[in-house]
Amino acid sequence: MTNHQRTAAWLAACGKQPNVGNTSIQIGCHLEEFAELLRCIRTDSEGGQLIIDRTVADMDWLAVKIKKGDYTAHIPNHLREQALDALCDGEVTGNGVAYLAGMNKDAADQAVLASNDAKLVDGKPVILEGGKIGKPAGWKAPNLSAFV
């Protein structure tokens, strides 16, 4: 099963079906994770680092607004093909960064997906107030240190 298929099955098990509201929240999550990556990047330019830091602050702010439902994000029909291309290219370039940085992304992907699966109790998610998928007692984030 591909990572995409596992993620889709996990979201379906969590009761998240394709619709504008769920897509909006997932866009917020995606922005939040990209900001997390940006926080790990350093440049040899003070000006470049300032731009990264400002971008992270703006992206974090926007991600929170979208995830809380203050803003709704969507992909208009006429931009769906371009959005899909960007999502695919993001995976390809992310895999390229991991490869060139000497990271074992395949193993890390499996650890992250297994960690997400561990959020399900008897195949059902722990749903927090506001619809957020929670973590059951004893859940642990994946340890990716062996893959870097």
Foldseek 3Di string as FASTA:
>chain_A
DDLVVLVVLLCVLAVNDDDQLSVQLVVLVVLLVVLVVLVVDDDPDPVVNVVSVVSSVVSPVVSVCSNLPVDGDDQDPVCVVVVVVVVVVVVVVVVVVCVVVQFPVVVVSVQQSVLSVQCADVSYFDADPVGDTDRDPPRDGGDRVVGD
